[in-house]
Structures are given as C-alpha cells and as structure tokens.
Amino acid sequence: MTHQVYAFEPPERFVAGTVGPPGERTFFLQARGGGRLVSVVLEKVQVALLAEKLEELLGEAQRRFGVTTVSLDSPPSDNDPLDTPLDEEFRVGTLGLAFDVDTTTVVIEAIAAGEGDDEEASEEVTADRDRLRVRLTPAATRAFIERARRLVASGRPPCPLCGQPLDPRGHLCPRHNGYRR
C-alpha cells in the first residue's frame, strides 16, 4: 500500500488552528510552502502535548548541544486564520519529534491514524501511513509553541472542581454527583 509523505523542509508557514466555536472546535495542523497547502486534523490534547514536548525538546537541545533556542530576530506572532481551502488530508494518530543536530532544526512528523491505534503504534505499523513532516528552526518552533498555547487556552474554561470544560449553560459535574454546575 502506498502512502503519501507531505514534506515541508522548511515550510513558509506551519501553525495550529481551529474552526468552529469553543466546545465544537476542530483542531488542525497546517503547513504551506512551495505552492502546496496541507491540513491535518488532530485533537486539542494533541496540540497541547505537542507544544509541551516541543518546549522540552528545545530545552534538551540547548542543554546537550549548546543550541541557541531563543533568537532576538524571532518571527512575529502569527495570529492569522488558517489558510483556505481547508481540506483535511488525514486525522493524526501519532506525533513524532526529533532534533537534527547537523542542521540545528526540529523535525515534527504527524502520522495518520489507522486501525488498531488503541495500542502503542510501532514504526513497522505506521510505516505505510500518510504523514506530514516539517522541519523548523528553533525560532519558528518557539513561534509555533506560543500560538499553540494561545489556541488551547482560548477554549472553554475548566470546571474548578473536576477540570472538565464548562459550557455556557454549565455541565454535569461528577464532583456534584451529576448535578448541574
């Protein structure tokens, strides 16, 4: 079975974004470059985890390899909406991260979900799946992290008791034995 690798090394733009109102948002990773536009769908928790792990990866690269991960000439914040047309290529099941010491870049790989993703996906299992691969400078990675964190934080506020998102009409809180909060 053939698979598609959408490689952007480097992209003109790589962002996380959403479509829809809070509580009904669909999260996307979107890469643009070389006249191509690729959008993949993922979960909010994947966006939050990606930002967290990228931060850890940059910190580790700085400690182990002495890489400067903060730049005075960092790119301006990208607050623009996702580019259109917004056509979903695939739903992300697995995210992979690496730091390439030779090029001083961060490699992010989003691999399509497949059957059996309940189990830990091995490299053999994911080898024949579509993937989006981007290579970013540390400064571009920082800009991605900042936007992803703003995006996740802009959703519904968490319930102070159970941590689940609050709808405008409240929610059935398990800490209140199912009574509306």
N, C-alpha and C. Protein backbone atom coordinates (compact mmCIF):
# COMPACT_ATOMS: atom_id res chain seq x y z
N MET A 1 0.85 -1.18 0.00
CA MET A 1 0.00 0.00 0.00
C MET A 1 0.89 1.24 0.00
N THR A 2 0.62 2.17 -0.90
CA THR A 2 1.44 3.38 -0.97
C THR A 2 0.92 4.41 0.01
N HIS A 3 1.83 5.19 0.47
CA HIS A 3 1.46 6.27 1.39
C HIS A 3 2.06 7.57 0.88
N GLN A 4 1.46 8.65 1.33
CA GLN A 4 1.88 9.99 0.92
C GLN A 4 2.67 10.64 2.05
N VAL A 5 3.83 11.20 1.71
CA VAL A 5 4.61 11.98 2.68
C VAL A 5 4.57 13.43 2.22
N TYR A 6 3.96 14.28 3.03
CA TYR A 6 3.89 15.72 2.74
C TYR A 6 5.05 16.36 3.49
N ALA A 7 6.14 16.64 2.80
CA ALA A 7 7.34 17.16 3.44
C ALA A 7 7.50 18.65 3.16
N PHE A 8 7.75 19.41 4.22
CA PHE A 8 8.00 20.85 4.14
C PHE A 8 9.28 21.10 4.92
N GLU A 9 10.39 21.28 4.20
CA GLU A 9 11.68 21.40 4.85
C GLU A 9 12.45 22.61 4.36
N PRO A 10 12.17 23.81 4.79
CA PRO A 10 11.20 24.25 5.79
C PRO A 10 9.91 24.74 5.13
N PRO A 11 8.84 24.85 5.91
CA PRO A 11 7.59 25.42 5.38
C PRO A 11 7.66 26.95 5.38
N GLU A 12 6.84 27.56 4.53
CA GLU A 12 6.68 29.02 4.59
C GLU A 12 5.89 29.39 5.83
N ARG A 13 4.94 28.49 6.20
CA ARG A 13 4.10 28.70 7.38
C ARG A 13 3.72 27.34 7.94
N PHE A 14 3.81 27.20 9.27
CA PHE A 14 3.35 25.98 9.95
C PHE A 14 2.68 26.42 11.24
N VAL A 15 1.37 26.15 11.35
CA VAL A 15 0.60 26.61 12.50
C VAL A 15 -0.41 25.56 12.95
N ALA A 16 -0.86 25.73 14.18
CA ALA A 16 -2.02 25.02 14.69
C ALA A 16 -3.16 26.03 14.65
N GLY A 17 -4.36 25.56 14.31
CA GLY A 17 -5.51 26.45 14.25
C GLY A 17 -6.79 25.67 14.46
N THR A 18 -7.89 26.40 14.57
CA THR A 18 -9.19 25.77 14.78
C THR A 18 -10.24 26.36 13.88
N VAL A 19 -11.31 25.59 13.74
CA VAL A 19 -12.50 26.05 13.05
C VAL A 19 -13.68 25.69 13.95
N GLY A 20 -14.60 26.65 14.16
CA GLY A 20 -15.78 26.39 14.96
C GLY A 20 -15.74 27.10 16.30
N PRO A 21 -16.89 27.16 16.97
CA PRO A 21 -16.98 27.82 18.27
C PRO A 21 -16.42 26.93 19.38
N PRO A 22 -15.97 27.52 20.51
CA PRO A 22 -15.47 26.71 21.62
C PRO A 22 -16.47 25.64 22.01
N GLY A 23 -15.96 24.45 22.24
CA GLY A 23 -16.80 23.31 22.56
C GLY A 23 -17.14 22.49 21.33
N GLU A 24 -17.00 23.09 20.16
CA GLU A 24 -17.28 22.39 18.91
C GLU A 24 -16.14 22.60 17.91
N ARG A 25 -14.98 22.99 18.41
CA ARG A 25 -13.86 23.30 17.52
C ARG A 25 -13.22 22.04 16.95
N THR A 26 -12.75 22.17 15.73
CA THR A 26 -11.92 21.15 15.09
C THR A 26 -10.52 21.73 15.02
N PHE A 27 -9.54 20.98 15.49
CA PHE A 27 -8.15 21.43 15.54
C PHE A 27 -7.39 20.92 14.32
N PHE A 28 -6.54 21.78 13.78
CA PHE A 28 -5.77 21.46 12.59
C PHE A 28 -4.29 21.80 12.81
N LEU A 29 -3.42 21.06 12.13
CA LEU A 29 -2.06 21.49 11.87
C LEU A 29 -2.05 21.81 10.39
N GLN A 30 -1.43 22.93 10.03
CA GLN A 30 -1.44 23.33 8.63
C GLN A 30 -0.03 23.78 8.23
N ALA A 31 0.42 23.24 7.09
CA ALA A 31 1.72 23.61 6.54
C ALA A 31 1.52 24.16 5.13
N ARG A 32 2.28 25.22 4.83
CA ARG A 32 2.21 25.82 3.49
C ARG A 32 3.62 26.06 2.99
N GLY A 33 3.81 25.78 1.71
CA GLY A 33 5.12 26.03 1.10
C GLY A 33 5.20 25.44 -0.28
N GLY A 34 5.96 26.08 -1.14
CA GLY A 34 6.16 25.58 -2.49
C GLY A 34 4.87 25.45 -3.28
N GLY A 35 3.91 26.33 -3.02
CA GLY A 35 2.64 26.28 -3.74
C GLY A 35 1.69 25.20 -3.23
N ARG A 36 2.05 24.53 -2.14
CA ARG A 36 1.19 23.49 -1.57
C ARG A 36 0.64 23.93 -0.23
N LEU A 37 -0.53 23.39 0.12
CA LEU A 37 -1.17 23.64 1.40
C LEU A 37 -1.69 22.31 1.91
N VAL A 38 -1.24 21.90 3.10
CA VAL A 38 -1.66 20.63 3.68
C VAL A 38 -2.22 20.88 5.07
N SER A 39 -3.42 20.36 5.32
CA SER A 39 -4.08 20.49 6.62
C SER A 39 -4.43 19.11 7.14
N VAL A 40 -4.10 18.85 8.40
CA VAL A 40 -4.44 17.58 9.04
C VAL A 40 -5.18 17.87 10.34
N VAL A 41 -6.10 16.99 10.70
CA VAL A 41 -6.95 17.16 11.89
C VAL A 41 -6.32 16.41 13.06
N LEU A 42 -6.40 17.01 14.24
CA LEU A 42 -5.95 16.36 15.45
C LEU A 42 -6.80 16.82 16.62
N GLU A 43 -6.57 16.25 17.77
CA GLU A 43 -7.34 16.58 18.97
C GLU A 43 -6.67 17.73 19.73
N LYS A 44 -7.47 18.43 20.52
CA LYS A 44 -6.97 19.54 21.33
C LYS A 44 -5.83 19.08 22.24
N VAL A 45 -5.99 17.92 22.85
CA VAL A 45 -4.96 17.42 23.76
C VAL A 45 -3.66 17.15 23.00
N GLN A 46 -3.74 16.75 21.74
CA GLN A 46 -2.54 16.53 20.94
C GLN A 46 -1.81 17.85 20.68
N VAL A 47 -2.56 18.92 20.44
CA VAL A 47 -1.95 20.24 20.23
C VAL A 47 -1.24 20.68 21.51
N ALA A 48 -1.92 20.53 22.66
CA ALA A 48 -1.33 20.92 23.94
C ALA A 48 -0.07 20.10 24.23
N LEU A 49 -0.13 18.80 23.99
CA LEU A 49 1.01 17.93 24.24
C LEU A 49 2.16 18.23 23.28
N LEU A 50 1.84 18.53 22.03
CA LEU A 50 2.87 18.88 21.06
C LEU A 50 3.63 20.12 21.50
N ALA A 51 2.92 21.15 21.95
CA ALA A 51 3.57 22.37 22.42
C ALA A 51 4.46 22.07 23.64
N GLU A 52 3.96 21.27 24.55
CA GLU A 52 4.72 20.93 25.75
C GLU A 52 6.00 20.15 25.40
N LYS A 53 5.87 19.16 24.54
CA LYS A 53 7.02 18.32 24.19
C LYS A 53 8.03 19.08 23.33
N LEU A 54 7.56 20.01 22.49
CA LEU A 54 8.49 20.84 21.72
C LEU A 54 9.30 21.73 22.65
N GLU A 55 8.67 22.26 23.67
CA GLU A 55 9.37 23.08 24.67
C GLU A 55 10.46 22.25 25.35
N GLU A 56 10.12 21.01 25.73
CA GLU A 56 11.09 20.13 26.36
C GLU A 56 12.24 19.80 25.39
N LEU A 57 11.90 19.56 24.12
CA LEU A 57 12.92 19.23 23.11
C LEU A 57 13.90 20.38 22.92
N LEU A 58 13.39 21.61 22.86
CA LEU A 58 14.28 22.78 22.73
C LEU A 58 15.17 22.93 23.95
N GLY A 59 14.62 22.70 25.12
CA GLY A 59 15.41 22.78 26.35
C GLY A 59 16.52 21.74 26.36
N GLU A 60 16.18 20.53 25.94
CA GLU A 60 17.18 19.45 25.89
C GLU A 60 18.26 19.74 24.85
N ALA A 61 17.87 20.29 23.70
CA ALA A 61 18.84 20.64 22.66
C ALA A 61 19.80 21.71 23.16
N GLN A 62 19.28 22.63 23.94
CA GLN A 62 20.13 23.69 24.49
C GLN A 62 21.10 23.11 25.52
N ARG A 63 20.61 22.23 26.40
CA ARG A 63 21.47 21.63 27.43
C ARG A 63 22.52 20.70 26.82
N ARG A 64 22.11 19.82 25.93
CA ARG A 64 23.03 18.79 25.42
C ARG A 64 23.95 19.27 24.31
N PHE A 65 23.45 20.15 23.44
CA PHE A 65 24.23 20.54 22.27
C PHE A 65 24.60 22.01 22.24
N GLY A 66 24.18 22.78 23.25
CA GLY A 66 24.50 24.19 23.30
C GLY A 66 23.81 25.02 22.22
N VAL A 67 22.72 24.52 21.71
CA VAL A 67 21.98 25.20 20.65
C VAL A 67 21.24 26.40 21.23
N THR A 68 21.36 27.54 20.57
CA THR A 68 20.63 28.73 20.98
C THR A 68 19.20 28.58 20.49
N THR A 69 18.26 28.52 21.44
CA THR A 69 16.87 28.31 21.06
C THR A 69 16.03 29.58 21.17
N VAL A 70 16.65 30.65 21.62
CA VAL A 70 15.95 31.93 21.69
C VAL A 70 16.70 32.88 20.77
N SER A 71 15.96 33.53 19.89
CA SER A 71 16.58 34.41 18.91
C SER A 71 16.03 35.82 19.07
N LEU A 72 16.92 36.80 18.95
CA LEU A 72 16.48 38.19 19.03
C LEU A 72 15.66 38.58 17.80
N ASP A 73 15.94 37.92 16.67
CA ASP A 73 15.20 38.23 15.45
C ASP A 73 14.15 37.15 15.16
N SER A 74 13.41 36.79 16.22
CA SER A 74 12.38 35.76 16.06
C SER A 74 11.23 36.30 15.20
N PRO A 75 10.57 35.38 14.49
CA PRO A 75 9.49 35.83 13.62
C PRO A 75 8.34 36.44 14.41
N PRO A 76 7.60 37.38 13.82
CA PRO A 76 6.48 37.98 14.53
C PRO A 76 5.40 36.94 14.78
N SER A 77 4.58 37.19 15.80
CA SER A 77 3.49 36.27 16.13
C SER A 77 2.55 36.13 14.94
N ASP A 78 2.17 34.91 14.66
CA ASP A 78 1.24 34.61 13.57
C ASP A 78 -0.14 34.40 14.19
N ASN A 79 -0.98 35.41 14.07
CA ASN A 79 -2.34 35.33 14.59
C ASN A 79 -3.37 35.23 13.48
N ASP A 80 -2.91 35.03 12.26
CA ASP A 80 -3.82 34.94 11.12
C ASP A 80 -4.60 33.64 11.15
N PRO A 81 -5.79 33.65 10.55
CA PRO A 81 -6.57 32.40 10.50
C PRO A 81 -5.90 31.37 9.60
N LEU A 82 -6.40 30.16 9.66
CA LEU A 82 -5.90 29.10 8.78
C LEU A 82 -6.13 29.49 7.33
N ASP A 83 -5.24 29.03 6.46
CA ASP A 83 -5.39 29.30 5.03
C ASP A 83 -6.52 28.44 4.46
N THR A 84 -7.11 28.92 3.39
CA THR A 84 -8.15 28.16 2.70
C THR A 84 -7.68 27.81 1.30
N PRO A 85 -8.17 26.77 0.71
CA PRO A 85 -9.23 25.88 1.19
C PRO A 85 -8.71 24.97 2.31
N LEU A 86 -9.59 24.65 3.22
CA LEU A 86 -9.25 23.85 4.38
C LEU A 86 -9.72 22.42 4.13
N ASP A 87 -8.91 21.67 3.40
CA ASP A 87 -9.22 20.28 3.07
C ASP A 87 -8.39 19.36 3.94
N GLU A 88 -9.06 18.52 4.71
CA GLU A 88 -8.39 17.59 5.61
C GLU A 88 -7.74 16.47 4.82
N GLU A 89 -6.43 16.30 4.97
CA GLU A 89 -5.71 15.21 4.31
C GLU A 89 -5.88 13.91 5.08
N PHE A 90 -5.78 14.00 6.42
CA PHE A 90 -5.96 12.83 7.27
C PHE A 90 -6.11 13.27 8.72
N ARG A 91 -6.52 12.33 9.58
CA ARG A 91 -6.60 12.55 11.03
C ARG A 91 -5.32 12.00 11.65
N VAL A 92 -4.70 12.79 12.51
CA VAL A 92 -3.43 12.42 13.13
C VAL A 92 -3.65 11.39 14.23
N GLY A 93 -2.86 10.32 14.18
CA GLY A 93 -2.88 9.31 15.23
C GLY A 93 -1.64 9.39 16.10
N THR A 94 -0.49 9.63 15.46
CA THR A 94 0.79 9.63 16.16
C THR A 94 1.58 10.87 15.78
N LEU A 95 2.24 11.46 16.78
CA LEU A 95 3.13 12.59 16.55
C LEU A 95 4.55 12.17 16.92
N GLY A 96 5.50 12.53 16.08
CA GLY A 96 6.90 12.24 16.37
C GLY A 96 7.72 13.52 16.34
N LEU A 97 8.73 13.59 17.20
CA LEU A 97 9.59 14.77 17.29
C LEU A 97 11.04 14.34 17.29
N ALA A 98 11.88 15.16 16.68
CA ALA A 98 13.32 14.90 16.70
C ALA A 98 14.05 16.22 16.56
N PHE A 99 15.29 16.23 17.02
CA PHE A 99 16.15 17.40 16.83
C PHE A 99 17.32 16.96 15.97
N ASP A 100 17.51 17.62 14.83
CA ASP A 100 18.61 17.31 13.92
C ASP A 100 19.78 18.23 14.26
N VAL A 101 20.80 17.67 14.87
CA VAL A 101 21.95 18.45 15.32
C VAL A 101 22.72 19.04 14.14
N ASP A 102 22.82 18.28 13.04
CA ASP A 102 23.58 18.74 11.88
C ASP A 102 23.01 20.01 11.27
N THR A 103 21.69 20.12 11.21
CA THR A 103 21.05 21.30 10.60
C THR A 103 20.47 22.25 11.64
N THR A 104 20.58 21.89 12.92
CA THR A 104 20.02 22.67 14.03
C THR A 104 18.54 22.96 13.77
N THR A 105 17.79 21.93 13.45
CA THR A 105 16.36 22.09 13.20
C THR A 105 15.56 21.05 13.98
N VAL A 106 14.30 21.38 14.19
CA VAL A 106 13.34 20.49 14.84
C VAL A 106 12.53 19.83 13.74
N VAL A 107 12.37 18.52 13.83
CA VAL A 107 11.57 17.77 12.86
C VAL A 107 10.31 17.30 13.57
N ILE A 108 9.16 17.66 13.00
CA ILE A 108 7.86 17.24 13.53
C ILE A 108 7.22 16.36 12.47
N GLU A 109 6.74 15.21 12.91
CA GLU A 109 6.07 14.30 11.98
C GLU A 109 4.71 13.93 12.56
N ALA A 110 3.66 14.19 11.79
CA ALA A 110 2.29 13.82 12.15
C ALA A 110 1.90 12.66 11.26
N ILE A 111 1.58 11.52 11.88
CA ILE A 111 1.29 10.30 11.13
C ILE A 111 -0.20 9.99 11.24
N ALA A 112 -0.78 9.61 10.11
CA ALA A 112 -2.22 9.34 10.04
C ALA A 112 -2.62 8.22 11.01
N ALA A 113 -3.82 8.36 11.56
CA ALA A 113 -4.39 7.33 12.42
C ALA A 113 -4.79 6.14 11.56
N GLY A 114 -4.83 5.00 12.17
CA GLY A 114 -5.24 3.79 11.46
C GLY A 114 -5.93 2.85 12.42
N GLU A 115 -6.36 1.73 11.91
CA GLU A 115 -7.00 0.73 12.77
C GLU A 115 -5.97 0.22 13.77
N GLY A 116 -6.44 -0.04 14.97
CA GLY A 116 -5.55 -0.58 16.00
C GLY A 116 -4.71 0.48 16.68
N ASP A 117 -5.09 1.75 16.56
CA ASP A 117 -4.31 2.81 17.22
C ASP A 117 -4.52 2.85 18.72
N ASP A 118 -5.36 1.95 19.25
CA ASP A 118 -5.54 1.87 20.70
C ASP A 118 -4.25 1.39 21.34
N GLU A 119 -3.52 0.55 20.60
CA GLU A 119 -2.26 0.03 21.11
C GLU A 119 -1.14 1.00 20.75
N GLU A 120 -0.01 0.82 21.39
CA GLU A 120 1.18 1.63 21.07
C GLU A 120 1.55 1.36 19.61
N ALA A 121 1.60 2.40 18.79
CA ALA A 121 1.92 2.22 17.37
C ALA A 121 3.42 2.09 17.20
N SER A 122 3.85 1.00 16.57
CA SER A 122 5.27 0.80 16.33
C SER A 122 5.65 1.41 14.99
N GLU A 123 6.95 1.52 14.76
CA GLU A 123 7.43 2.10 13.49
C GLU A 123 7.00 1.22 12.31
N GLU A 124 7.01 -0.10 12.52
CA GLU A 124 6.57 -1.02 11.45
C GLU A 124 5.12 -0.79 11.09
N VAL A 125 4.28 -0.63 12.11
CA VAL A 125 2.85 -0.47 11.89
C VAL A 125 2.55 0.85 11.19
N THR A 126 3.27 1.91 11.52
CA THR A 126 2.98 3.23 10.95
C THR A 126 3.73 3.52 9.65
N ALA A 127 4.57 2.60 9.20
CA ALA A 127 5.41 2.84 8.02
C ALA A 127 4.59 3.08 6.75
N ASP A 128 3.41 2.48 6.65
CA ASP A 128 2.62 2.61 5.43
C ASP A 128 1.48 3.61 5.57
N ARG A 129 1.62 4.55 6.48
CA ARG A 129 0.57 5.56 6.68
C ARG A 129 1.03 6.91 6.15
N ASP A 130 0.05 7.72 5.72
CA ASP A 130 0.34 9.09 5.29
C ASP A 130 0.96 9.85 6.45
N ARG A 131 1.79 10.84 6.09
CA ARG A 131 2.42 11.64 7.14
C ARG A 131 2.72 13.05 6.64
N LEU A 132 2.71 13.96 7.59
CA LEU A 132 3.10 15.34 7.36
C LEU A 132 4.41 15.53 8.12
N ARG A 133 5.45 15.98 7.40
CA ARG A 133 6.76 16.19 8.03
C ARG A 133 7.19 17.63 7.79
N VAL A 134 7.52 18.32 8.88
CA VAL A 134 8.03 19.69 8.76
C VAL A 134 9.35 19.79 9.51
N ARG A 135 10.18 20.68 9.01
CA ARG A 135 11.49 20.95 9.62
C ARG A 135 11.50 22.44 9.94
N LEU A 136 11.68 22.77 11.23
CA LEU A 136 11.60 24.16 11.69
C LEU A 136 12.89 24.59 12.38
N THR A 137 13.20 25.87 12.27
CA THR A 137 14.29 26.45 13.05
C THR A 137 13.82 26.55 14.50
N PRO A 138 14.75 26.68 15.45
CA PRO A 138 14.32 26.87 16.83
C PRO A 138 13.40 28.09 17.01
N ALA A 139 13.67 29.18 16.28
CA ALA A 139 12.82 30.38 16.40
C ALA A 139 11.41 30.10 15.87
N ALA A 140 11.30 29.40 14.75
CA ALA A 140 9.99 29.05 14.20
C ALA A 140 9.26 28.07 15.13
N THR A 141 10.01 27.21 15.79
CA THR A 141 9.42 26.27 16.75
C THR A 141 8.84 27.03 17.93
N ARG A 142 9.59 28.02 18.42
CA ARG A 142 9.09 28.86 19.52
C ARG A 142 7.80 29.56 19.14
N ALA A 143 7.74 30.11 17.92
CA ALA A 143 6.53 30.79 17.45
C ALA A 143 5.37 29.81 17.38
N PHE A 144 5.62 28.58 16.94
CA PHE A 144 4.58 27.56 16.89
C PHE A 144 4.07 27.26 18.30
N ILE A 145 4.99 27.08 19.24
CA ILE A 145 4.63 26.77 20.63
C ILE A 145 3.73 27.87 21.21
N GLU A 146 4.12 29.13 21.01
CA GLU A 146 3.33 30.25 21.55
C GLU A 146 1.92 30.26 20.98
N ARG A 147 1.80 30.09 19.67
CA ARG A 147 0.47 30.10 19.05
C ARG A 147 -0.35 28.90 19.54
N ALA A 148 0.25 27.72 19.62
CA ALA A 148 -0.47 26.53 20.06
C ALA A 148 -0.99 26.71 21.49
N ARG A 149 -0.19 27.29 22.35
CA ARG A 149 -0.62 27.51 23.74
C ARG A 149 -1.76 28.51 23.81
N ARG A 150 -1.68 29.58 23.01
CA ARG A 150 -2.79 30.55 22.98
C ARG A 150 -4.06 29.89 22.48
N LEU A 151 -3.92 29.06 21.48
CA LEU A 151 -5.06 28.37 20.87
C LEU A 151 -5.75 27.47 21.89
N VAL A 152 -4.98 26.67 22.60
CA VAL A 152 -5.55 25.75 23.59
C VAL A 152 -6.20 26.54 24.73
N ALA A 153 -5.56 27.61 25.17
CA ALA A 153 -6.08 28.41 26.29
C ALA A 153 -7.33 29.20 25.92
N SER A 154 -7.57 29.41 24.63
CA SER A 154 -8.71 30.23 24.22
C SER A 154 -10.03 29.47 24.21
N GLY A 155 -10.02 28.22 24.61
CA GLY A 155 -11.23 27.41 24.63
C GLY A 155 -12.06 27.67 25.87
N ARG A 156 -12.95 26.74 26.14
CA ARG A 156 -13.83 26.86 27.31
C ARG A 156 -13.02 26.75 28.60
N PRO A 157 -13.39 27.52 29.62
CA PRO A 157 -12.66 27.44 30.89
C PRO A 157 -12.95 26.10 31.58
N PRO A 158 -11.99 25.61 32.38
CA PRO A 158 -12.22 24.33 33.08
C PRO A 158 -13.07 24.52 34.34
N CYS A 159 -13.81 23.49 34.70
CA CYS A 159 -14.56 23.47 35.95
C CYS A 159 -13.55 23.45 37.10
N PRO A 160 -13.73 24.31 38.11
CA PRO A 160 -12.76 24.34 39.21
C PRO A 160 -12.76 23.06 40.06
N LEU A 161 -13.81 22.26 39.95
CA LEU A 161 -13.88 21.04 40.74
C LEU A 161 -13.35 19.81 40.02
N CYS A 162 -13.76 19.62 38.75
CA CYS A 162 -13.39 18.38 38.07
C CYS A 162 -12.44 18.60 36.91
N GLY A 163 -12.27 19.83 36.45
CA GLY A 163 -11.35 20.12 35.36
C GLY A 163 -11.94 19.95 33.98
N GLN A 164 -13.17 19.43 33.86
CA GLN A 164 -13.79 19.29 32.55
C GLN A 164 -14.21 20.66 32.04
N PRO A 165 -14.29 20.84 30.72
CA PRO A 165 -14.66 22.15 30.18
C PRO A 165 -16.09 22.54 30.56
N LEU A 166 -16.25 23.82 30.85
CA LEU A 166 -17.58 24.36 31.19
C LEU A 166 -18.25 24.90 29.93
N ASP A 167 -19.45 24.48 29.69
CA ASP A 167 -20.27 25.05 28.63
C ASP A 167 -20.89 26.33 29.16
N PRO A 168 -21.38 27.22 28.27
CA PRO A 168 -22.04 28.43 28.76
C PRO A 168 -23.22 28.12 29.69
N ARG A 169 -23.87 26.95 29.48
CA ARG A 169 -25.00 26.57 30.34
C ARG A 169 -24.57 25.73 31.53
N GLY A 170 -23.26 25.56 31.73
CA GLY A 170 -22.74 24.72 32.80
C GLY A 170 -22.52 23.31 32.31
N HIS A 171 -22.30 22.37 33.25
CA HIS A 171 -22.13 20.97 32.87
C HIS A 171 -22.50 20.07 34.03
N LEU A 172 -22.67 18.80 33.75
CA LEU A 172 -22.97 17.83 34.80
C LEU A 172 -21.65 17.43 35.44
N CYS A 173 -21.41 17.96 36.62
CA CYS A 173 -20.13 17.76 37.29
C CYS A 173 -20.14 16.47 38.10
N PRO A 174 -19.19 15.57 37.83
CA PRO A 174 -19.13 14.33 38.60
C PRO A 174 -18.83 14.57 40.08
N ARG A 175 -18.21 15.69 40.41
CA ARG A 175 -17.91 16.01 41.81
C ARG A 175 -19.15 16.47 42.56
N HIS A 176 -20.23 16.77 41.84
CA HIS A 176 -21.51 17.16 42.45
C HIS A 176 -22.55 16.08 42.22
N ASN A 177 -22.10 14.85 42.06
CA ASN A 177 -22.99 13.70 41.84
C ASN A 177 -23.96 13.93 40.69
N GLY A 178 -23.47 14.55 39.62
CA GLY A 178 -24.28 14.70 38.42
C GLY A 178 -25.19 15.90 38.41
N TYR A 179 -25.14 16.74 39.45
CA TYR A 179 -25.97 17.94 39.44
C TYR A 179 -25.28 18.99 38.56
N ARG A 180 -26.13 19.79 37.93
CA ARG A 180 -25.61 20.82 37.02
C ARG A 180 -24.83 21.85 37.82
N ARG A 181 -23.71 22.25 37.29
CA ARG A 181 -22.83 23.23 37.95
C ARG A 181 -22.79 24.47 37.10
